[in-house]
Amino acid sequence: MSIKKLLNEPASRVRELERMLERQQLTIERLRKQSRPTLRKIGSRKAKGCFTRVVFGDVHGSYMEKDAVAAFMADMKELQPKEAVCLGDIIDCAGFLAEHHVIGVVPQLDYTYENDAEHGNYFLDLLANAGITLKDIIEGNHEARIVRQIAKMTIRNPRDARFLEKMYGVEAVLNLEKRGIRLVRRDRYYDGLSVSGTIKLDPFAVGQHGEAFCGVNATRELLRNLGKNVFHGHTHHLRIIYGENIDSQLVGVNTGCLCQKRPLYGLTKTTGWCNGYAIEFVEPGKGFLAITVPIIDGVSFLGPLLKQLRR
């Protein structure tokens, strides 16, 4: 309605419109008050006893990605976690230990288990020199190749199998006892859990190699089946999946890999693999924050990020 027309309206009509506007304004104010949520007050709380844990896996010994490992070690020196856990496949155990060979690929013929063990020890030495406490190495499907090969060689005499494992098993060739690192066997049970080869990282999460599932949906399937916060490796993908069970929110973390992304059996393929690892920021009695750190073309941006946050 134009101003001129409004002025020509009778005074009673003008008063009626004014009352209508007042009622509308009151209605709007009432609705605003009703729709306002009541938020609980959260002050700045002091977190006690918080610590950082690094979770990684799939280094694959002789097939480690050297630039990715260099970036990982640089991050460790900057982050200085309280502890670290390896989720398996720290060595590759290919060559004569592999059940399936890549026919016609010459590099496979030059592979030696000795060289693989040398690379694994080199990686563990780097961690030790950086002051990183590696608590556990979970036996992956690649380390399990050694056990299977020894079993085949000594099928008629189990005592010889035990002797050969003491000589050539993962614990022996990587000097795990001297290093104070526990090897978590895939056929044994730990921490009161009903799934073998799985350990409690803390009261909130478990860790395992994760070979029960493969592909892009492995983390989701593992989370669904375990019904527990879980960190796993095996698929070489780097991702975080959130879900829930009847009790709480859940998180599943796939920790990526520190190995070459183009394996001998997939030289002409794109894999979807990603170099990287996971960090768990733990607040005892409360919970944890999990993040994944990608290493792209040998570069991690965690160091610059930490420096920025500390400014």
Protein backbone atom coordinates (compact mmCIF):
# COMPACT_ATOMS: atom_id res chain seq x y z
CA MET A 1 0.00 0.00 0.00
CA SER A 2 1.46 3.38 -0.98
CA ILE A 3 1.88 6.20 1.54
CA LYS A 4 -0.56 8.40 -0.38
CA LYS A 5 -3.26 5.75 -0.30
CA LEU A 6 -2.58 5.07 3.36
CA LEU A 7 -3.08 8.74 4.19
CA ASN A 8 -6.46 8.68 2.47
CA GLU A 9 -7.65 5.74 4.60
CA PRO A 10 -10.02 6.47 7.47
CA ALA A 11 -8.41 6.90 10.87
CA SER A 12 -10.05 3.69 12.15
CA ARG A 13 -8.38 1.66 9.40
CA VAL A 14 -5.00 3.13 10.28
CA ARG A 15 -5.47 2.20 13.95
CA GLU A 16 -6.47 -1.32 12.95
CA LEU A 17 -3.29 -1.75 10.90
CA GLU A 18 -1.18 -0.42 13.76
CA ARG A 19 -2.74 -2.96 16.18
CA MET A 20 -2.11 -5.73 13.64
CA LEU A 21 1.55 -4.75 13.43
CA GLU A 22 1.83 -4.74 17.22
CA ARG A 23 0.34 -8.25 17.46
CA GLN A 24 2.70 -9.51 14.80
CA GLN A 25 5.66 -8.02 16.63
CA LEU A 26 4.59 -9.66 19.90
CA THR A 27 4.17 -12.99 18.14
CA ILE A 28 7.65 -12.73 16.61
CA GLU A 29 9.21 -11.92 19.98
CA ARG A 30 7.42 -14.83 21.66
CA LEU A 31 8.60 -17.26 18.98
CA ARG A 32 12.15 -16.01 19.30
CA LYS A 33 12.17 -16.72 23.02
CA GLN A 34 10.64 -20.15 22.57
CA SER A 35 13.17 -21.25 19.93
CA ARG A 36 16.26 -20.23 21.85
CA PRO A 37 18.13 -23.37 23.04
CA THR A 38 19.54 -23.63 26.52
CA LEU A 39 23.21 -24.52 26.33
CA ARG A 40 25.15 -25.96 29.22
CA LYS A 41 28.08 -23.87 30.28
CA ILE A 42 31.46 -25.36 29.41
CA GLY A 43 34.43 -23.64 30.95
CA SER A 44 38.07 -24.16 30.07
CA ARG A 45 38.91 -27.42 31.86
CA LYS A 46 42.40 -28.55 32.63
CA ALA A 47 43.21 -31.93 31.13
CA LYS A 48 45.36 -34.07 33.42
CA GLY A 49 47.76 -36.75 32.32
CA CYS A 50 47.16 -36.31 28.59
CA PHE A 51 49.62 -38.01 26.29
CA THR A 52 50.21 -38.68 22.61
CA ARG A 53 50.43 -42.08 20.94
CA VAL A 54 51.46 -42.67 17.33
CA VAL A 55 49.90 -45.63 15.52
CA PHE A 56 51.34 -46.79 12.20
CA GLY A 57 51.93 -49.87 10.12
CA ASP A 58 52.79 -51.44 6.78
CA VAL A 59 56.40 -50.37 6.39
CA HIS A 60 57.16 -53.56 4.42
CA GLY A 61 60.90 -53.64 4.99
CA SER A 62 62.74 -53.64 1.67
CA TYR A 63 59.75 -51.96 0.03
CA MET A 64 59.58 -49.03 2.44
CA GLU A 65 59.04 -45.63 0.83
CA LYS A 66 62.22 -43.84 1.90
CA ASP A 67 60.91 -40.29 1.51
CA ALA A 68 57.77 -41.14 3.45
CA VAL A 69 59.84 -42.73 6.23
CA ALA A 70 62.07 -39.64 6.34
CA ALA A 71 59.01 -37.39 6.71
CA PHE A 72 57.58 -39.71 9.37
CA MET A 73 60.80 -39.56 11.39
CA ALA A 74 60.93 -35.78 11.12
CA ASP A 75 57.39 -35.66 12.50
CA MET A 76 58.35 -37.95 15.38
CA LYS A 77 61.18 -35.65 16.41
CA GLU A 78 58.79 -32.69 16.35
CA LEU A 79 55.85 -34.48 18.01
CA GLN A 80 57.79 -36.56 20.57
CA PRO A 81 54.93 -38.97 21.39
CA LYS A 82 54.93 -40.86 24.65
CA GLU A 83 54.74 -44.16 22.79
CA ALA A 84 54.17 -45.78 19.41
CA VAL A 85 52.47 -48.97 18.22
CA CYS A 86 53.10 -50.78 14.92
CA LEU A 87 50.04 -52.53 13.49
CA GLY A 88 51.97 -55.06 11.46
CA ASP A 89 53.82 -55.78 8.22
CA ILE A 90 56.93 -53.98 9.39
CA ILE A 91 58.84 -56.32 7.06
CA ASP A 92 57.61 -57.72 3.76
CA CYS A 93 58.78 -61.35 3.81
CA ALA A 94 58.48 -61.79 0.06
CA GLY A 95 60.83 -63.83 -2.15
CA PHE A 96 60.87 -67.48 -1.13
CA LEU A 97 58.55 -66.69 1.80
CA ALA A 98 55.72 -65.49 -0.44
CA GLU A 99 53.04 -68.00 -1.31
CA HIS A 100 52.29 -66.27 -4.61
CA HIS A 101 55.09 -64.94 -6.77
CA VAL A 102 54.83 -62.31 -9.43
CA ILE A 103 55.66 -64.31 -12.55
CA GLY A 104 58.01 -62.54 -14.91
CA VAL A 105 58.93 -59.66 -12.57
CA VAL A 106 62.71 -59.69 -12.29
CA PRO A 107 63.03 -57.60 -9.07
CA GLN A 108 61.21 -60.34 -7.19
CA LEU A 109 64.04 -62.72 -8.07
CA ASP A 110 66.63 -60.42 -6.46
CA TYR A 111 64.77 -60.25 -3.15
CA THR A 112 66.45 -61.62 -0.02
CA TYR A 113 64.98 -62.10 3.43
CA GLU A 114 68.29 -60.89 4.86
CA ASN A 115 67.92 -57.55 3.07
CA ASP A 116 64.34 -57.30 4.26
CA ALA A 117 65.43 -57.82 7.88
CA GLU A 118 68.19 -55.22 7.45
CA HIS A 119 65.59 -52.65 6.36
CA GLY A 120 63.34 -53.54 9.29
CA ASN A 121 66.20 -53.12 11.75
CA TYR A 122 67.17 -49.84 10.12
CA PHE A 123 63.64 -48.51 10.64
CA LEU A 124 63.58 -49.62 14.29
CA ASP A 125 66.98 -48.02 14.85
CA LEU A 126 65.65 -44.74 13.46
CA LEU A 127 62.78 -44.83 15.96
CA ALA A 128 65.11 -45.63 18.85
CA ASN A 129 67.54 -42.85 17.88
CA ALA A 130 64.62 -40.41 17.77
CA GLY A 131 63.76 -41.37 21.36
CA ILE A 132 60.46 -43.02 20.39
CA THR A 133 59.26 -45.90 22.59
CA LEU A 134 57.78 -48.60 20.37
CA LYS A 135 55.71 -50.80 22.68
CA ASP A 136 54.21 -53.41 20.38
CA ILE A 137 54.48 -54.80 16.88
CA ILE A 138 51.35 -56.68 15.89
CA GLU A 139 52.09 -59.65 13.66
CA GLY A 140 50.66 -58.95 10.22
CA ASN A 141 49.89 -61.31 7.40
CA HIS A 142 53.35 -60.71 5.89
CA GLU A 143 55.22 -61.65 9.08
CA ALA A 144 52.97 -64.71 9.27
CA ARG A 145 54.59 -65.94 6.06
CA ILE A 146 57.67 -66.87 8.07
CA VAL A 147 55.69 -69.06 10.46
CA ARG A 148 53.88 -70.78 7.59
CA GLN A 149 57.09 -71.40 5.66
CA ILE A 150 58.81 -72.92 8.70
CA ALA A 151 55.76 -75.10 9.37
CA LYS A 152 55.87 -76.43 5.81
CA MET A 153 59.60 -77.16 6.06
CA THR A 154 59.28 -79.02 9.37
CA ILE A 155 55.83 -80.57 9.13
CA ARG A 156 57.15 -83.91 10.39
CA ASN A 157 58.99 -82.48 13.40
CA PRO A 158 57.43 -79.58 15.33
CA ARG A 159 60.52 -79.24 17.52
CA ASP A 160 62.55 -78.22 14.48
CA ALA A 161 59.91 -75.58 13.75
CA ARG A 162 60.44 -74.01 17.17
CA PHE A 163 64.19 -74.04 16.63
CA LEU A 164 63.97 -72.42 13.19
CA GLU A 165 61.61 -69.76 14.47
CA LYS A 166 64.12 -68.84 17.17
CA MET A 167 66.70 -68.50 14.41
CA TYR A 168 64.71 -66.82 11.63
CA GLY A 169 61.43 -65.60 13.12
CA VAL A 170 60.51 -61.92 13.36
CA GLU A 171 61.53 -61.66 17.01
CA ALA A 172 64.98 -63.02 16.15
CA VAL A 173 65.83 -61.09 12.98
CA LEU A 174 64.54 -57.78 14.37
CA ASN A 175 66.09 -58.27 17.84
CA LEU A 176 62.77 -57.46 19.48
CA GLU A 177 63.65 -58.89 22.88
CA LYS A 178 66.77 -56.73 23.16
CA ARG A 179 64.80 -53.74 21.96
CA GLY A 180 62.10 -54.31 24.59
CA ILE A 181 59.36 -54.61 21.96
CA ARG A 182 56.54 -57.13 22.30
CA LEU A 183 55.45 -59.12 19.25
CA VAL A 184 51.68 -59.54 19.33
CA ARG A 185 50.96 -62.92 17.77
CA ARG A 186 47.98 -63.19 15.47
CA ASP A 187 46.97 -66.57 16.95
CA ARG A 188 47.04 -65.51 20.61
CA TYR A 189 44.65 -63.55 22.80
CA TYR A 190 45.53 -60.41 24.74
CA ASP A 191 44.06 -58.04 27.32
CA GLY A 192 40.98 -60.19 27.89
CA LEU A 193 39.74 -59.62 24.32
CA SER A 194 37.86 -62.33 22.42
CA VAL A 195 39.55 -61.62 19.06
CA SER A 196 43.09 -62.92 18.57
CA GLY A 197 45.93 -60.68 17.44
CA THR A 198 44.17 -57.67 18.96
CA ILE A 199 45.34 -55.47 21.83
CA LYS A 200 43.89 -52.69 23.92
CA LEU A 201 45.57 -49.41 23.09
CA ASP A 202 43.78 -47.89 26.10
CA PRO A 203 40.34 -48.26 27.72
CA PHE A 204 38.79 -46.61 24.67
CA ALA A 205 40.30 -48.33 21.61
CA VAL A 206 41.85 -51.52 20.28
CA GLY A 207 44.48 -52.13 17.63
CA GLN A 208 44.90 -54.97 15.17
CA HIS A 209 46.39 -55.57 11.75
CA GLY A 210 42.92 -55.73 10.24
CA GLU A 211 43.27 -58.37 7.55
CA ALA A 212 39.71 -59.63 8.03
CA PHE A 213 38.52 -57.00 5.55
CA CYS A 214 40.01 -55.46 2.42
CA GLY A 215 39.13 -52.62 0.09
CA VAL A 216 37.77 -49.13 0.61
CA ASN A 217 35.08 -50.23 3.08
CA ALA A 218 37.39 -52.25 5.32
CA THR A 219 37.37 -49.73 8.16
CA ARG A 220 33.59 -49.46 8.18
CA GLU A 221 33.18 -53.25 8.19
CA LEU A 222 35.76 -53.72 10.94
CA LEU A 223 34.13 -51.01 13.06
CA ARG A 224 30.73 -52.62 12.58
CA ASN A 225 31.95 -56.10 13.48
CA LEU A 226 34.06 -55.20 16.51
CA GLY A 227 31.67 -52.57 17.90
CA LYS A 228 34.71 -50.84 19.39
CA ASN A 229 36.96 -47.92 18.53
CA VAL A 230 39.69 -49.48 16.39
CA PHE A 231 42.97 -48.61 14.71
CA HIS A 232 44.06 -50.95 11.92
CA GLY A 233 46.34 -51.25 8.92
CA HIS A 234 46.63 -53.87 6.15
CA THR A 235 44.73 -52.07 3.35
CA HIS A 236 47.23 -49.17 3.06
CA HIS A 237 44.35 -46.68 2.89
CA LEU A 238 44.34 -43.63 5.13
CA ARG A 239 40.96 -42.67 6.54
CA ILE A 240 38.73 -42.15 9.56
CA ILE A 241 35.19 -43.57 9.71
CA TYR A 242 32.67 -42.59 12.37
CA GLY A 243 29.79 -44.77 13.50
CA GLU A 244 27.92 -45.70 16.63
CA ASN A 245 26.60 -48.61 18.62
CA ILE A 246 23.83 -48.67 21.20
CA ASP A 247 26.13 -47.19 23.85
CA SER A 248 28.26 -44.54 22.20
CA GLN A 249 29.86 -42.95 19.17
CA LEU A 250 32.63 -45.01 17.56
CA VAL A 251 35.62 -44.23 15.41
CA GLY A 252 37.63 -46.50 13.11
CA VAL A 253 41.05 -45.40 11.89
CA ASN A 254 42.95 -46.88 8.94
CA THR A 255 46.55 -45.78 9.40
CA GLY A 256 47.83 -45.79 5.80
CA CYS A 257 51.28 -47.14 5.00
CA LEU A 258 54.96 -46.21 4.86
CA CYS A 259 55.74 -48.48 1.91
CA GLN A 260 55.92 -47.99 -1.83
CA LYS A 261 52.51 -47.36 -3.34
CA ARG A 262 53.19 -49.31 -6.52
CA PRO A 263 53.74 -52.97 -5.54
CA LEU A 264 55.26 -55.51 -7.87
CA TYR A 265 51.86 -57.09 -8.47
CA GLY A 266 50.30 -53.76 -9.48
CA LEU A 267 52.94 -51.82 -11.39
CA THR A 268 50.50 -50.35 -13.90
CA LYS A 269 47.63 -49.66 -11.50
CA THR A 270 46.50 -46.81 -9.30
CA THR A 271 45.96 -48.30 -5.87
CA GLY A 272 44.31 -45.69 -3.67
CA TRP A 273 47.06 -46.34 -1.14
CA CYS A 274 48.33 -43.39 0.88
CA ASN A 275 51.52 -42.89 2.86
CA GLY A 276 50.81 -41.70 6.36
CA TYR A 277 50.04 -42.65 9.94
CA ALA A 278 47.67 -41.81 12.81
CA ILE A 279 48.01 -39.83 16.02
CA GLU A 280 45.95 -40.53 19.13
CA PHE A 281 45.71 -37.72 21.68
CA VAL A 282 44.56 -39.49 24.84
CA GLU A 283 42.97 -37.92 27.91
CA PRO A 284 42.89 -40.66 30.58
CA GLY A 285 39.42 -41.36 31.87
CA LYS A 286 37.80 -39.16 29.21
CA GLY A 287 38.56 -40.32 25.68
CA PHE A 288 40.80 -39.50 22.76
CA LEU A 289 41.11 -37.51 19.58
CA ALA A 290 42.31 -39.38 16.50
CA ILE A 291 43.76 -37.67 13.44
CA THR A 292 45.43 -39.04 10.35
CA VAL A 293 48.55 -37.46 8.90
CA PRO A 294 48.99 -37.93 5.14
CA ILE A 295 52.47 -37.87 3.64
CA ILE A 296 52.13 -36.69 0.05
CA ASP A 297 55.14 -37.10 -2.25
CA GLY A 298 57.39 -37.41 0.78
CA VAL A 299 56.03 -34.27 2.48
CA SER A 300 54.15 -34.03 5.78
CA PHE A 301 52.70 -30.76 6.98
CA LEU A 302 52.39 -31.81 10.62
CA GLY A 303 55.62 -30.05 11.62
CA PRO A 304 54.61 -26.60 10.28
CA LEU A 305 51.13 -27.07 11.77
CA LEU A 306 52.55 -27.81 15.23
CA LYS A 307 54.80 -24.78 15.05
CA GLN A 308 51.83 -22.61 14.07
CA LEU A 309 49.73 -23.93 16.98
CA ARG A 310 52.56 -23.31 19.46
CA ARG A 311 52.99 -19.66 18.47
